[in-house]
Amino acid sequence: MRYPIYRPRRLRTNENLRRLIREINISADDLIMPLFVRPGKGVRNKISSMPGNFQLSVDELVKEGQKAVDLGIPAVILFGIPERKDAVGSEGYKKGNIVAKAVSALKDKVEDLIVITDVCLCEYTDHGHCGVVKKKKGGKDFSIDNDATLELLARMALSHVEAGADMVAPSDMMDGRIGAVRSALDAGGFLDTPIMAYAAKYASAFYGPFREAAESPPKFGDRRSYQMDPPNTDEAIREVALDIEEGADIVMVKPALPYLDVIYRVKQEFGYPVAAYNVSGEFSLVKAAAERKWVDEQKLVIEILTSIKRAGADMILTYHAMEVASWLK
């Protein structure tokens, strides 16, 4: 028996019919909103390269968290900006660090919000790298002391969870950091706290606006020695496999839009929950074009997020979260 060729054009005649056969839908449930927290009170510092985003004091952060809940956004991820920086990022894991304070306030004042914390040293080190730096002869070349960094990352993650964080997200790309964090959380009695691993994080040109927002550009060199080379996809699969083996509960691909093929491969090969980070550069490019009236911002953003979800992402970290949730509402 010959089957007719499927021609859905009659089902595309109006929006309601299109909705009936739509395969992928974006909802607020898919979104995680990144937030930047710094010391002070009543602070809302505009981030010039990321319109609509701010460095927030804890009191202002709580307001943003409540807005997120009211719009149906289930989760936020926190990035800390300390008062002082040093070579080992001690402000990131000391008792009462800025992220721990923010976590405590959100959990105390905002109901039904999942609070995730970024775990990395780059915002807290005076050199801007994600780990403890070892200088080589002449002072120009450098390397990262991987094992020394693991201990500090584990301390940071534990401080966040002790403050009430629902999940931690190590983003440093050090070897073995998921296992180190998992061991620290388990030893501290937090066996059920999940880890979202920045598993395939590329050395990307799309991070520029974030580095302004987090005040974390490297003072020398770059991060290519510990972040992934953009042409590589097999390496991404190996990195994800290692993080899963060490105890990751969710694996992330970052950035999202230039790496849709990687998102697809990760989802197909592992079947694990996959997060994708629609990063600052992706966000700012859209904003710049929209300000010049070159694109329809709402349609473009929804199309971008749909493509990320269609590739296999179960959740999307995006600076568009608040706007998208309000559009959908």
C-alpha atoms as a PDB file:
ATOM      1  CA  MET A   1       0.000   0.000   0.000  1.00  0.00           C
ATOM      2  CA  ARG A   2       1.268   3.442  -0.902  1.00  0.00           C
ATOM      3  CA  TYR A   3       0.875   6.126   1.734  1.00  0.00           C
ATOM      4  CA  PRO A   4       0.199   9.690   0.671  1.00  0.00           C
ATOM      5  CA  ILE A   5       2.944  12.265   1.110  1.00  0.00           C
ATOM      6  CA  TYR A   6       2.219  14.293   4.213  1.00  0.00           C
ATOM      7  CA  ARG A   7       1.434  17.853   3.197  1.00  0.00           C
ATOM      8  CA  PRO A   8       0.513  19.903   6.291  1.00  0.00           C
ATOM      9  CA  ARG A   9      -0.198  23.154   4.422  1.00  0.00           C
ATOM     10  CA  ARG A  10      -3.917  23.034   5.238  1.00  0.00           C
ATOM     11  CA  LEU A  11      -2.973  22.872   8.929  1.00  0.00           C
ATOM     12  CA  ARG A  12      -0.881  26.037   8.599  1.00  0.00           C
ATOM     13  CA  THR A  13      -3.734  28.283   7.568  1.00  0.00           C
ATOM     14  CA  ASN A  14      -4.092  29.948  10.973  1.00  0.00           C
ATOM     15  CA  GLU A  15      -2.193  30.181  14.243  1.00  0.00           C
ATOM     16  CA  ASN A  16      -4.521  27.918  16.249  1.00  0.00           C
ATOM     17  CA  LEU A  17      -4.109  25.102  13.738  1.00  0.00           C
ATOM     18  CA  ARG A  18      -0.340  25.575  13.745  1.00  0.00           C
ATOM     19  CA  ARG A  19      -0.339  25.270  17.537  1.00  0.00           C
ATOM     20  CA  LEU A  20      -2.087  21.901  17.297  1.00  0.00           C
ATOM     21  CA  ILE A  21       0.777  20.337  15.322  1.00  0.00           C
ATOM     22  CA  ARG A  22       3.684  22.247  16.889  1.00  0.00           C
ATOM     23  CA  GLU A  23       6.410  19.843  18.003  1.00  0.00           C
ATOM     24  CA  ILE A  24       8.397  22.125  20.320  1.00  0.00           C
ATOM     25  CA  ASN A  25       7.039  24.782  22.655  1.00  0.00           C
ATOM     26  CA  ILE A  26       8.949  27.202  24.851  1.00  0.00           C
ATOM     27  CA  SER A  27       7.540  27.889  28.300  1.00  0.00           C
ATOM     28  CA  ALA A  28       8.709  29.686  31.415  1.00  0.00           C
ATOM     29  CA  ASP A  29       9.328  26.229  32.899  1.00  0.00           C
ATOM     30  CA  ASP A  30      12.326  25.864  30.560  1.00  0.00           C
ATOM     31  CA  LEU A  31      14.133  28.970  31.822  1.00  0.00           C
ATOM     32  CA  ILE A  32      16.861  29.694  34.366  1.00  0.00           C
ATOM     33  CA  MET A  33      17.614  33.366  34.974  1.00  0.00           C
ATOM     34  CA  PRO A  34      21.208  34.449  35.707  1.00  0.00           C
ATOM     35  CA  LEU A  35      21.610  37.154  38.373  1.00  0.00           C
ATOM     36  CA  PHE A  36      24.655  39.102  39.577  1.00  0.00           C
ATOM     37  CA  VAL A  37      24.952  39.951  43.270  1.00  0.00           C
ATOM     38  CA  ARG A  38      27.364  42.359  44.970  1.00  0.00           C
ATOM     39  CA  PRO A  39      27.736  43.912  48.435  1.00  0.00           C
ATOM     40  CA  GLY A  40      25.759  46.987  49.452  1.00  0.00           C
ATOM     41  CA  LYS A  41      22.160  48.064  49.835  1.00  0.00           C
ATOM     42  CA  GLY A  42      19.828  49.470  47.213  1.00  0.00           C
ATOM     43  CA  VAL A  43      22.388  48.756  44.495  1.00  0.00           C
ATOM     44  CA  ARG A  44      21.209  48.370  40.873  1.00  0.00           C
ATOM     45  CA  ASN A  45      24.288  48.965  38.719  1.00  0.00           C
ATOM     46  CA  LYS A  46      23.432  48.879  35.017  1.00  0.00           C
ATOM     47  CA  ILE A  47      25.519  46.536  32.865  1.00  0.00           C
ATOM     48  CA  SER A  48      26.141  48.652  29.786  1.00  0.00           C
ATOM     49  CA  SER A  49      26.709  45.766  27.377  1.00  0.00           C
ATOM     50  CA  MET A  50      23.688  43.800  28.628  1.00  0.00           C
ATOM     51  CA  PRO A  51      20.611  46.063  28.561  1.00  0.00           C
ATOM     52  CA  GLY A  52      18.089  45.251  31.272  1.00  0.00           C
ATOM     53  CA  ASN A  53      20.622  43.401  33.448  1.00  0.00           C
ATOM     54  CA  PHE A  54      22.156  44.720  36.652  1.00  0.00           C
ATOM     55  CA  GLN A  55      24.641  44.077  39.412  1.00  0.00           C
ATOM     56  CA  LEU A  56      22.320  43.853  42.412  1.00  0.00           C
ATOM     57  CA  SER A  57      22.689  44.105  46.154  1.00  0.00           C
ATOM     58  CA  VAL A  58      21.013  41.339  48.137  1.00  0.00           C
ATOM     59  CA  ASP A  59      17.866  43.377  48.868  1.00  0.00           C
ATOM     60  CA  GLU A  60      17.420  44.183  45.185  1.00  0.00           C
ATOM     61  CA  LEU A  61      18.203  40.598  44.222  1.00  0.00           C
ATOM     62  CA  VAL A  62      15.324  39.392  46.376  1.00  0.00           C
ATOM     63  CA  LYS A  63      12.981  41.669  44.415  1.00  0.00           C
ATOM     64  CA  GLU A  64      14.204  40.161  41.139  1.00  0.00           C
ATOM     65  CA  GLY A  65      13.744  36.669  42.533  1.00  0.00           C
ATOM     66  CA  GLN A  66      10.142  37.440  43.423  1.00  0.00           C
ATOM     67  CA  LYS A  67       9.518  38.851  39.939  1.00  0.00           C
ATOM     68  CA  ALA A  68      10.856  35.620  38.480  1.00  0.00           C
ATOM     69  CA  VAL A  69       8.493  33.509  40.576  1.00  0.00           C
ATOM     70  CA  ASP A  70       5.545  35.740  39.686  1.00  0.00           C
ATOM     71  CA  LEU A  71       6.315  35.175  35.999  1.00  0.00           C
ATOM     72  CA  GLY A  72       6.573  31.411  36.425  1.00  0.00           C
ATOM     73  CA  ILE A  73      10.369  31.149  36.095  1.00  0.00           C
ATOM     74  CA  PRO A  74      11.375  28.215  38.304  1.00  0.00           C
ATOM     75  CA  ALA A  75      15.071  28.933  38.913  1.00  0.00           C
ATOM     76  CA  VAL A  76      17.842  31.509  39.094  1.00  0.00           C
ATOM     77  CA  ILE A  77      21.609  31.054  39.015  1.00  0.00           C
ATOM     78  CA  LEU A  78      23.765  33.418  41.071  1.00  0.00           C
ATOM     79  CA  PHE A  79      27.135  34.973  40.251  1.00  0.00           C
ATOM     80  CA  GLY A  80      28.960  36.843  42.996  1.00  0.00           C
ATOM     81  CA  ILE A  81      31.011  40.042  42.808  1.00  0.00           C
ATOM     82  CA  PRO A  82      33.143  40.488  45.948  1.00  0.00           C
ATOM     83  CA  GLU A  83      34.373  43.559  47.780  1.00  0.00           C
ATOM     84  CA  ARG A  84      37.998  42.481  47.406  1.00  0.00           C
ATOM     85  CA  LYS A  85      39.917  40.137  45.155  1.00  0.00           C
ATOM     86  CA  ASP A  86      43.100  38.181  45.785  1.00  0.00           C
ATOM     87  CA  ALA A  87      45.242  35.533  44.115  1.00  0.00           C
ATOM     88  CA  VAL A  88      43.225  32.613  45.474  1.00  0.00           C
ATOM     89  CA  GLY A  89      39.708  34.083  45.413  1.00  0.00           C
ATOM     90  CA  SER A  90      39.217  33.810  49.153  1.00  0.00           C
ATOM     91  CA  GLU A  91      36.119  36.041  49.148  1.00  0.00           C
ATOM     92  CA  GLY A  92      34.344  33.324  47.202  1.00  0.00           C
ATOM     93  CA  TYR A  93      34.457  30.687  49.925  1.00  0.00           C
ATOM     94  CA  LYS A  94      34.964  32.523  53.189  1.00  0.00           C
ATOM     95  CA  LYS A  95      32.217  32.335  55.798  1.00  0.00           C
ATOM     96  CA  GLY A  96      29.402  34.714  54.923  1.00  0.00           C
ATOM     97  CA  ASN A  97      30.512  35.227  51.326  1.00  0.00           C
ATOM     98  CA  ILE A  98      28.285  37.345  49.091  1.00  0.00           C
ATOM     99  CA  VAL A  99      26.653  34.399  47.298  1.00  0.00           C
ATOM    100  CA  ALA A 100      25.924  32.617  50.580  1.00  0.00           C
ATOM    101  CA  LYS A 101      24.239  35.796  51.862  1.00  0.00           C
ATOM    102  CA  ALA A 102      22.187  36.043  48.682  1.00  0.00           C
ATOM    103  CA  VAL A 103      21.143  32.396  48.877  1.00  0.00           C
ATOM    104  CA  SER A 104      20.002  32.776  52.485  1.00  0.00           C
ATOM    105  CA  ALA A 105      17.951  35.859  51.660  1.00  0.00           C
ATOM    106  CA  LEU A 106      16.281  34.286  48.634  1.00  0.00           C
ATOM    107  CA  LYS A 107      15.398  31.091  50.464  1.00  0.00           C
ATOM    108  CA  ASP A 108      14.040  33.110  53.398  1.00  0.00           C
ATOM    109  CA  LYS A 109      11.988  35.625  51.431  1.00  0.00           C
ATOM    110  CA  VAL A 110      11.023  34.052  48.086  1.00  0.00           C
ATOM    111  CA  GLU A 111       8.892  30.907  48.043  1.00  0.00           C
ATOM    112  CA  ASP A 112       9.059  28.255  45.331  1.00  0.00           C
ATOM    113  CA  LEU A 113      12.294  29.499  43.734  1.00  0.00           C
ATOM    114  CA  ILE A 114      15.102  27.085  42.911  1.00  0.00           C
ATOM    115  CA  VAL A 115      18.411  28.770  43.753  1.00  0.00           C
ATOM    116  CA  ILE A 116      21.447  27.534  41.819  1.00  0.00           C
ATOM    117  CA  THR A 117      24.937  28.914  42.391  1.00  0.00           C
ATOM    118  CA  ASP A 118      27.829  29.235  39.991  1.00  0.00           C
ATOM    119  CA  VAL A 119      31.000  27.727  41.481  1.00  0.00           C
ATOM    120  CA  CYS A 120      34.161  29.254  40.035  1.00  0.00           C
ATOM    121  CA  LEU A 121      37.054  31.431  41.204  1.00  0.00           C
ATOM    122  CA  CYS A 122      37.211  33.837  38.245  1.00  0.00           C
ATOM    123  CA  GLU A 123      34.968  36.520  39.802  1.00  0.00           C
ATOM    124  CA  TYR A 124      37.014  36.458  43.012  1.00  0.00           C
ATOM    125  CA  THR A 125      40.635  36.304  41.826  1.00  0.00           C
ATOM    126  CA  ASP A 126      42.668  39.435  41.152  1.00  0.00           C
ATOM    127  CA  HIS A 127      44.042  37.837  37.974  1.00  0.00           C
ATOM    128  CA  GLY A 128      40.633  36.778  36.598  1.00  0.00           C
ATOM    129  CA  HIS A 129      41.456  33.124  36.011  1.00  0.00           C
ATOM    130  CA  CYS A 130      39.264  30.245  37.154  1.00  0.00           C
ATOM    131  CA  GLY A 131      41.899  28.611  39.330  1.00  0.00           C
ATOM    132  CA  VAL A 132      45.064  29.051  41.355  1.00  0.00           C
ATOM    133  CA  VAL A 133      47.760  30.376  39.028  1.00  0.00           C
ATOM    134  CA  LYS A 134      51.290  28.991  38.907  1.00  0.00           C
ATOM    135  CA  LYS A 135      53.690  31.395  37.209  1.00  0.00           C
ATOM    136  CA  LYS A 136      56.515  29.933  35.162  1.00  0.00           C
ATOM    137  CA  LYS A 137      59.985  31.337  34.560  1.00  0.00           C
ATOM    138  CA  GLY A 138      60.017  34.934  33.400  1.00  0.00           C
ATOM    139  CA  GLY A 139      56.486  35.515  34.739  1.00  0.00           C
ATOM    140  CA  LYS A 140      54.856  35.632  31.297  1.00  0.00           C
ATOM    141  CA  ASP A 141      53.784  32.034  30.912  1.00  0.00           C
ATOM    142  CA  PHE A 142      51.491  30.481  33.485  1.00  0.00           C
ATOM    143  CA  SER A 143      49.571  27.343  34.305  1.00  0.00           C
ATOM    144  CA  ILE A 144      46.723  26.497  36.655  1.00  0.00           C
ATOM    145  CA  ASP A 145      47.348  24.407  39.759  1.00  0.00           C
ATOM    146  CA  ASN A 146      44.462  22.026  39.149  1.00  0.00           C
ATOM    147  CA  ASP A 147      44.532  20.129  42.451  1.00  0.00           C
ATOM    148  CA  ALA A 148      44.892  23.235  44.620  1.00  0.00           C
ATOM    149  CA  THR A 149      41.932  24.735  42.783  1.00  0.00           C
ATOM    150  CA  LEU A 150      39.731  21.691  43.440  1.00  0.00           C
ATOM    151  CA  GLU A 151      39.997  22.157  47.185  1.00  0.00           C
ATOM    152  CA  LEU A 152      38.868  25.780  46.961  1.00  0.00           C
ATOM    153  CA  LEU A 153      35.988  24.988  44.617  1.00  0.00           C
ATOM    154  CA  ALA A 154      34.778  22.282  46.986  1.00  0.00           C
ATOM    155  CA  ARG A 155      34.845  24.773  49.872  1.00  0.00           C
ATOM    156  CA  MET A 156      32.905  27.311  47.804  1.00  0.00           C
ATOM    157  CA  ALA A 157      30.229  24.799  46.804  1.00  0.00           C
ATOM    158  CA  LEU A 158      29.815  23.632  50.389  1.00  0.00           C
ATOM    159  CA  SER A 159      29.428  27.233  51.639  1.00  0.00           C
ATOM    160  CA  HIS A 160      26.615  27.799  49.141  1.00  0.00           C
ATOM    161  CA  VAL A 161      24.770  24.628  50.036  1.00  0.00           C
ATOM    162  CA  GLU A 162      25.127  25.261  53.761  1.00  0.00           C
ATOM    163  CA  ALA A 163      23.418  28.608  53.116  1.00  0.00           C
ATOM    164  CA  GLY A 164      20.509  26.810  51.430  1.00  0.00           C
ATOM    165  CA  ALA A 165      21.385  26.518  47.721  1.00  0.00           C
ATOM    166  CA  ASP A 166      19.248  23.933  45.944  1.00  0.00           C
ATOM    167  CA  MET A 167      21.933  23.113  43.368  1.00  0.00           C
ATOM    168  CA  VAL A 168      25.538  24.030  42.580  1.00  0.00           C
ATOM    169  CA  ALA A 169      27.006  24.528  39.124  1.00  0.00           C
ATOM    170  CA  PRO A 170      30.809  24.260  38.820  1.00  0.00           C
ATOM    171  CA  SER A 171      31.871  26.264  35.760  1.00  0.00           C
ATOM    172  CA  ASP A 172      35.672  26.277  36.088  1.00  0.00           C
ATOM    173  CA  MET A 173      36.490  23.326  33.792  1.00  0.00           C
ATOM    174  CA  MET A 174      39.217  21.964  36.082  1.00  0.00           C
ATOM    175  CA  ASP A 175      39.868  18.231  35.784  1.00  0.00           C
ATOM    176  CA  GLY A 176      38.087  16.275  38.506  1.00  0.00           C
ATOM    177  CA  ARG A 177      36.110  19.142  39.964  1.00  0.00           C
ATOM    178  CA  ILE A 178      32.731  17.395  39.845  1.00  0.00           C
ATOM    179  CA  GLY A 179      34.122  14.509  41.873  1.00  0.00           C
ATOM    180  CA  ALA A 180      35.726  16.920  44.353  1.00  0.00           C
ATOM    181  CA  VAL A 181      32.509  18.880  44.820  1.00  0.00           C
ATOM    182  CA  ARG A 182      30.419  15.703  45.090  1.00  0.00           C
ATOM    183  CA  SER A 183      32.747  14.317  47.762  1.00  0.00           C
ATOM    184  CA  ALA A 184      32.638  17.577  49.744  1.00  0.00           C
ATOM    185  CA  LEU A 185      28.858  17.788  49.632  1.00  0.00           C
ATOM    186  CA  ASP A 186      28.442  14.144  50.617  1.00  0.00           C
ATOM    187  CA  ALA A 187      30.907  14.508  53.486  1.00  0.00           C
ATOM    188  CA  GLY A 188      28.971  17.558  54.655  1.00  0.00           C
ATOM    189  CA  GLY A 189      25.731  15.580  54.747  1.00  0.00           C
ATOM    190  CA  PHE A 190      24.269  17.004  51.512  1.00  0.00           C
ATOM    191  CA  LEU A 191      23.941  13.749  49.634  1.00  0.00           C
ATOM    192  CA  ASP A 192      20.757  14.821  47.845  1.00  0.00           C
ATOM    193  CA  THR A 193      22.008  18.194  46.567  1.00  0.00           C
ATOM    194  CA  PRO A 194      22.350  17.936  42.769  1.00  0.00           C
ATOM    195  CA  ILE A 195      25.221  19.226  40.642  1.00  0.00           C
ATOM    196  CA  MET A 196      24.788  20.948  37.299  1.00  0.00           C
ATOM    197  CA  ALA A 197      28.133  20.545  35.531  1.00  0.00           C
ATOM    198  CA  TYR A 198      29.390  23.013  32.963  1.00  0.00           C
ATOM    199  CA  ALA A 199      30.507  19.898  31.142  1.00  0.00           C
ATOM    200  CA  ALA A 200      31.210  21.184  27.618  1.00  0.00           C
ATOM    201  CA  LYS A 201      32.306  24.791  28.091  1.00  0.00           C
ATOM    202  CA  TYR A 202      34.068  26.270  25.099  1.00  0.00           C
ATOM    203  CA  ALA A 203      36.744  28.985  24.986  1.00  0.00           C
ATOM    204  CA  SER A 204      34.312  31.285  23.230  1.00  0.00           C
ATOM    205  CA  ALA A 205      34.321  34.864  21.951  1.00  0.00           C
ATOM    206  CA  PHE A 206      30.680  35.112  23.103  1.00  0.00           C
ATOM    207  CA  TYR A 207      31.568  35.711  26.778  1.00  0.00           C
ATOM    208  CA  GLY A 208      32.663  39.351  26.518  1.00  0.00           C
ATOM    209  CA  PRO A 209      29.620  41.094  28.053  1.00  0.00           C
ATOM    210  CA  PHE A 210      29.533  38.605  30.948  1.00  0.00           C
ATOM    211  CA  ARG A 211      33.090  39.498  31.871  1.00  0.00           C
ATOM    212  CA  GLU A 212      32.026  43.121  32.227  1.00  0.00           C
ATOM    213  CA  ALA A 213      29.019  42.076  34.315  1.00  0.00           C
ATOM    214  CA  ALA A 214      31.039  39.801  36.613  1.00  0.00           C
ATOM    215  CA  GLU A 215      34.155  41.999  36.550  1.00  0.00           C
ATOM    216  CA  SER A 216      36.198  38.925  35.657  1.00  0.00           C
ATOM    217  CA  PRO A 217      38.315  39.414  32.496  1.00  0.00           C
ATOM    218  CA  PRO A 218      41.735  37.703  32.754  1.00  0.00           C
ATOM    219  CA  LYS A 219      44.539  40.147  33.514  1.00  0.00           C
ATOM    220  CA  PHE A 220      46.942  38.077  31.425  1.00  0.00           C
ATOM    221  CA  GLY A 221      46.687  35.226  28.954  1.00  0.00           C
ATOM    222  CA  ASP A 222      43.356  33.551  28.290  1.00  0.00           C
ATOM    223  CA  ARG A 223      41.371  30.499  29.381  1.00  0.00           C
ATOM    224  CA  ARG A 224      42.085  28.210  26.444  1.00  0.00           C
ATOM    225  CA  SER A 225      44.242  25.870  28.524  1.00  0.00           C
ATOM    226  CA  TYR A 226      41.195  24.759  30.529  1.00  0.00           C
ATOM    227  CA  GLN A 227      38.210  25.607  28.317  1.00  0.00           C
ATOM    228  CA  MET A 228      37.434  23.638  25.170  1.00  0.00           C
ATOM    229  CA  ASP A 229      38.583  24.371  21.629  1.00  0.00           C
ATOM    230  CA  PRO A 230      35.522  25.433  19.538  1.00  0.00           C
ATOM    231  CA  PRO A 231      36.151  23.018  16.617  1.00  0.00           C
ATOM    232  CA  ASN A 232      35.990  19.928  18.858  1.00  0.00           C
ATOM    233  CA  THR A 233      32.865  17.833  19.389  1.00  0.00           C
ATOM    234  CA  ASP A 234      34.273  14.395  20.268  1.00  0.00           C
ATOM    235  CA  GLU A 235      36.129  16.079  23.111  1.00  0.00           C
ATOM    236  CA  ALA A 236      32.809  17.425  24.388  1.00  0.00           C
ATOM    237  CA  ILE A 237      31.442  13.892  24.590  1.00  0.00           C
ATOM    238  CA  ARG A 238      34.495  12.775  26.583  1.00  0.00           C
ATOM    239  CA  GLU A 239      34.158  15.734  28.954  1.00  0.00           C
ATOM    240  CA  VAL A 240      30.464  15.044  29.538  1.00  0.00           C
ATOM    241  CA  ALA A 241      31.137  11.346  30.150  1.00  0.00           C
ATOM    242  CA  LEU A 242      33.768  12.176  32.781  1.00  0.00           C
ATOM    243  CA  ASP A 243      31.439  14.589  34.595  1.00  0.00           C
ATOM    244  CA  ILE A 244      28.625  12.043  34.649  1.00  0.00           C
ATOM    245  CA  GLU A 245      31.012   9.413  35.974  1.00  0.00           C
ATOM    246  CA  GLU A 246      32.069  11.797  38.759  1.00  0.00           C
ATOM    247  CA  GLY A 247      28.481  12.461  39.839  1.00  0.00           C
ATOM    248  CA  ALA A 248      26.932  15.207  37.711  1.00  0.00           C
ATOM    249  CA  ASP A 249      23.124  15.194  37.696  1.00  0.00           C
ATOM    250  CA  ILE A 250      22.687  17.733  34.867  1.00  0.00           C
ATOM    251  CA  VAL A 251      25.227  18.458  32.130  1.00  0.00           C
ATOM    252  CA  MET A 252      25.570  21.795  30.380  1.00  0.00           C
ATOM    253  CA  VAL A 253      26.744  22.958  26.975  1.00  0.00           C
ATOM    254  CA  LYS A 254      28.018  26.551  26.827  1.00  0.00           C
ATOM    255  CA  PRO A 255      27.528  28.633  24.681  1.00  0.00           C
ATOM    256  CA  ALA A 256      24.256  27.415  23.195  1.00  0.00           C
ATOM    257  CA  LEU A 257      23.487  28.844  19.778  1.00  0.00           C
ATOM    258  CA  PRO A 258      26.851  28.177  18.052  1.00  0.00           C
ATOM    259  CA  TYR A 259      26.916  24.658  19.564  1.00  0.00           C
ATOM    260  CA  LEU A 260      23.487  23.245  18.754  1.00  0.00           C
ATOM    261  CA  ASP A 261      25.187  20.199  17.226  1.00  0.00           C
ATOM    262  CA  VAL A 262      26.953  19.540  20.540  1.00  0.00           C
ATOM    263  CA  ILE A 263      23.698  19.860  22.496  1.00  0.00           C
ATOM    264  CA  TYR A 264      22.116  17.336  20.129  1.00  0.00           C
ATOM    265  CA  ARG A 265      25.007  14.872  20.433  1.00  0.00           C
ATOM    266  CA  VAL A 266      25.110  15.098  24.215  1.00  0.00           C
ATOM    267  CA  LYS A 267      21.374  14.480  24.529  1.00  0.00           C
ATOM    268  CA  GLN A 268      21.414  11.591  22.064  1.00  0.00           C
ATOM    269  CA  GLU A 269      24.461   9.862  23.520  1.00  0.00           C
ATOM    270  CA  PHE A 270      23.713  10.161  27.233  1.00  0.00           C
ATOM    271  CA  GLY A 271      19.992  10.819  27.698  1.00  0.00           C
ATOM    272  CA  TYR A 272      20.823  12.938  30.752  1.00  0.00           C
ATOM    273  CA  PRO A 273      19.104  16.232  31.590  1.00  0.00           C
ATOM    274  CA  VAL A 274      20.876  18.812  29.430  1.00  0.00           C
ATOM    275  CA  ALA A 275      21.195  22.510  30.165  1.00  0.00           C
ATOM    276  CA  ALA A 276      22.281  25.031  27.554  1.00  0.00           C
ATOM    277  CA  TYR A 277      23.614  28.500  28.351  1.00  0.00           C
ATOM    278  CA  ASN A 278      22.353  31.188  25.961  1.00  0.00           C
ATOM    279  CA  VAL A 279      25.317  33.371  26.897  1.00  0.00           C
ATOM    280  CA  SER A 280      25.856  37.112  27.190  1.00  0.00           C
ATOM    281  CA  GLY A 281      27.263  37.609  23.698  1.00  0.00           C
ATOM    282  CA  GLU A 282      24.272  35.879  22.142  1.00  0.00           C
ATOM    283  CA  PHE A 283      21.974  38.080  24.235  1.00  0.00           C
ATOM    284  CA  SER A 284      23.794  41.341  23.479  1.00  0.00           C
ATOM    285  CA  LEU A 285      23.910  40.745  19.724  1.00  0.00           C
ATOM    286  CA  VAL A 286      20.125  40.437  19.685  1.00  0.00           C
ATOM    287  CA  LYS A 287      19.717  43.533  21.853  1.00  0.00           C
ATOM    288  CA  ALA A 288      22.011  45.607  19.647  1.00  0.00           C
ATOM    289  CA  ALA A 289      20.145  44.595  16.486  1.00  0.00           C
ATOM    290  CA  ALA A 290      16.767  45.196  18.124  1.00  0.00           C
ATOM    291  CA  GLU A 291      17.773  48.696  19.281  1.00  0.00           C
ATOM    292  CA  ARG A 292      18.556  49.524  15.644  1.00  0.00           C
ATOM    293  CA  LYS A 293      15.194  48.122  14.510  1.00  0.00           C
ATOM    294  CA  TRP A 294      16.966  45.569  12.338  1.00  0.00           C
ATOM    295  CA  VAL A 295      15.069  42.607  13.807  1.00  0.00           C
ATOM    296  CA  ASP A 296      11.812  41.778  15.543  1.00  0.00           C
ATOM    297  CA  GLU A 297      13.266  41.080  18.983  1.00  0.00           C
ATOM    298  CA  GLN A 298      10.424  38.992  20.385  1.00  0.00           C
ATOM    299  CA  LYS A 299      10.155  36.725  17.342  1.00  0.00           C
ATOM    300  CA  LEU A 300      13.926  36.361  17.102  1.00  0.00           C
ATOM    301  CA  VAL A 301      14.404  35.457  20.768  1.00  0.00           C
ATOM    302  CA  ILE A 302      11.615  32.882  20.722  1.00  0.00           C
ATOM    303  CA  GLU A 303      13.077  31.370  17.541  1.00  0.00           C
ATOM    304  CA  ILE A 304      16.544  31.181  19.097  1.00  0.00           C
ATOM    305  CA  LEU A 305      15.303  29.547  22.294  1.00  0.00           C
ATOM    306  CA  THR A 306      13.133  27.145  20.282  1.00  0.00           C
ATOM    307  CA  SER A 307      16.184  26.063  18.282  1.00  0.00           C
ATOM    308  CA  ILE A 308      18.108  25.405  21.499  1.00  0.00           C
ATOM    309  CA  LYS A 309      15.292  23.312  22.918  1.00  0.00           C
ATOM    310  CA  ARG A 310      14.786  21.543  19.587  1.00  0.00           C
ATOM    311  CA  ALA A 311      18.457  20.538  19.623  1.00  0.00           C
ATOM    312  CA  GLY A 312      17.840  18.691  22.892  1.00  0.00           C
ATOM    313  CA  ALA A 313      18.176  21.116  25.787  1.00  0.00           C
ATOM    314  CA  ASP A 314      15.829  20.463  28.692  1.00  0.00           C
ATOM    315  CA  MET A 315      16.539  23.822  30.334  1.00  0.00           C
ATOM    316  CA  ILE A 316      17.990  27.094  29.080  1.00  0.00           C
ATOM    317  CA  LEU A 317      19.992  29.630  31.050  1.00  0.00           C
ATOM    318  CA  THR A 318      19.225  32.958  29.407  1.00  0.00           C
ATOM    319  CA  TYR A 319      19.342  36.688  30.124  1.00  0.00           C
ATOM    320  CA  HIS A 320      16.112  36.937  28.119  1.00  0.00           C
ATOM    321  CA  ALA A 321      14.283  34.907  30.806  1.00  0.00           C
ATOM    322  CA  MET A 322      12.249  37.717  32.363  1.00  0.00           C
ATOM    323  CA  GLU A 323      11.187  39.155  28.998  1.00  0.00           C
ATOM    324  CA  VAL A 324      10.332  35.766  27.525  1.00  0.00           C
ATOM    325  CA  ALA A 325       8.274  34.758  30.566  1.00  0.00           C
ATOM    326  CA  SER A 326       6.347  38.025  30.352  1.00  0.00           C
ATOM    327  CA  TRP A 327       5.736  37.558  26.608  1.00  0.00           C
ATOM    328  CA  LEU A 328       4.459  34.040  27.187  1.00  0.00           C
ATOM    329  CA  LYS A 329       2.294  35.074  30.108  1.00  0.00           C
END
